[in-house]
Amino acid sequence: MRDERPPIRSNAEAIRGGAPRTPEAQVANKRGKTNGPGPNRARESDVANALLNLERETRKAETEAELGYLMVNGSRVAIQYRQALLLMRAGGGNKRRVVAVSSLSAIDRNSTFIRWVERLAKQKLAGEAGNQAISFDVRAEAAATDLDASSYPFGNIAFVPLKLRDGTVFAHLMLTRENEWDERSLTAAGRLCETFSHAWEALSGPKRVKRKMQSRNLLWTTALAAMVAAGFYPIPLSVLAPAEVTPRDAFIVASPADGAIESIEVDPNANVEEGQLLFTFADTDLRNRVKLAGQAVSVAEARYQQSLRTSFSDSRAKRELAIAQSELQLKASEYDYAQELLKNTRVTAGASGLVLFADKESWTGRPVSVGERIMRIADPSKVEITINLPVADAIILKENAPVELYLDSNPLKPVQATMTSASFHAQTDGEGVLSYRVRAAFAAQDAQDLPRIGLRGTAKLFGDEVRLGYYLLRKPLSAVRQWTGY
């Protein structure tokens, strides 16, 4: 029985495309048809493999920049092009912006080529043309004055759209080459752009992609309208000023006489009782003064006694008796005054409480004058806030206006208070700033909740309600008025 199986071909014959020379095969060859793996079949197989590999790499992209780089550089096998550019819709309307160029890691926004591409895209993709893939010969359509188009070496250009799932075109892939674009290449490009669109939407999300497509003018107009509307929102006018916790109704310990302080008998911030010795003056001069005044009293008394004895017989001594008596009274008064001054060299506490002063060394040996304040004796349960409000920041404050104190020791927990008084005239504070003295009482009545005397911080004073625009522009308007006079 004869074997009717076809003869087995060698590998060399398969590579060369050898086949049995049957009449049917000869006819097919004459007509240009073949059943073997010819060049066209191999080309389509390479394109399909490239598309599959590129789709796999596209799914691995983690950022928009990485995906854009892959779109313009990784499609050469699947689509035969010489240069590729990715143009994103931006700013609303028909404006396009180049975000990626093949073989380039960075884009020069000022280059003439990039500007020409964006102008060309705006011209060609207007209206319905931007929703489908188009191809054209830019050099054939270029005008005589368009040197960029006539000098571009890859004149055959194709624009392939990238769309979201709802059909919104958010970008275009621009492909260029020397030969004319055929239907098979555009179909492959469209298939690939569908993959790119899906990956881009998965990375960014449709809302973010559409937000980038919105007009910047619209965004700026909306933002400006929102700012203007917010400018009419009412808020309380407030100002910040340095503040300190000070005693209320403190007992002032002042110098009773001129002299130098010899010693301080108490420590700062110590509790003292009424009548307790606080400090002493250097009394050497006063002791000598008392001694001299006593001797002067003795002399005046002796003169008075002598005039009294001789006044019975001597009319002249009788006339001097009244003068001697007046001198005795004067010297006695001087002696009493010297005694009083000597007694005042020992200053005692006039009330019980917390004694407040700087430190012992700063007062020891320091000369003071009558009435100069040296110490204060305060009740720890009676405290208030003293605020130095600069004249430049002064606002209209009503009685019982709310105040918030942010202590430097605890800035995250404001202490509530209400304003009790404000000075009519501004005075220079310790830092040389012309300020109004404002006082506020704490809302808390429990002594344990009151802050310690001497703590410092920043006070926030609230005034009447004003518009937000005035609140923000109050100081600039004041400065402009001071400069211009208007």
Foldseek 3Di string as FASTA:
>chain_A
DDDPDDDDDDPVCLVVVHDDPDVVQVVCVVVVHDPHCDPVNVLVVQLVVLLVVLLVVLLVDQDPLSLQQCLFASCCSNAPFDKKWKWFAAQADLFTATDDIHPDPDDDPPDPLRVVVRVVSSVQCHDPSVLAKDKDFQLVVDDPPPPSQVPDQFRIKIWGFAAEPVSHTGMTMITTHNDHDDPVNRVSVNVSSPSSNVSVCVNQNPVRSVVRNHRVVVVVVVVVVVVVVQQQDKDWFKDKFKKFKAFDPWAFDWQAFWAAWAFADDWAQDWDAFFAWGTFGPCPVLVVQLVVLVVQLVVLVVLLVVLVVCVVPDVVSVVCNVVSVVSNVVSVVSNVVSVVVSVSRTDGHRHTATKHADGTVVRHGDTDHHGHTGIIGHHLLGIKMKTWAFPLRDDDADFQFWKWWQFPVHNVDTFIWTWHDKDPAWDQDPVRGTTIITIIHGPDNDSVPDDGGGTMTMMMTTHGMDGNSCSVCVNVVVVVCVVPVD
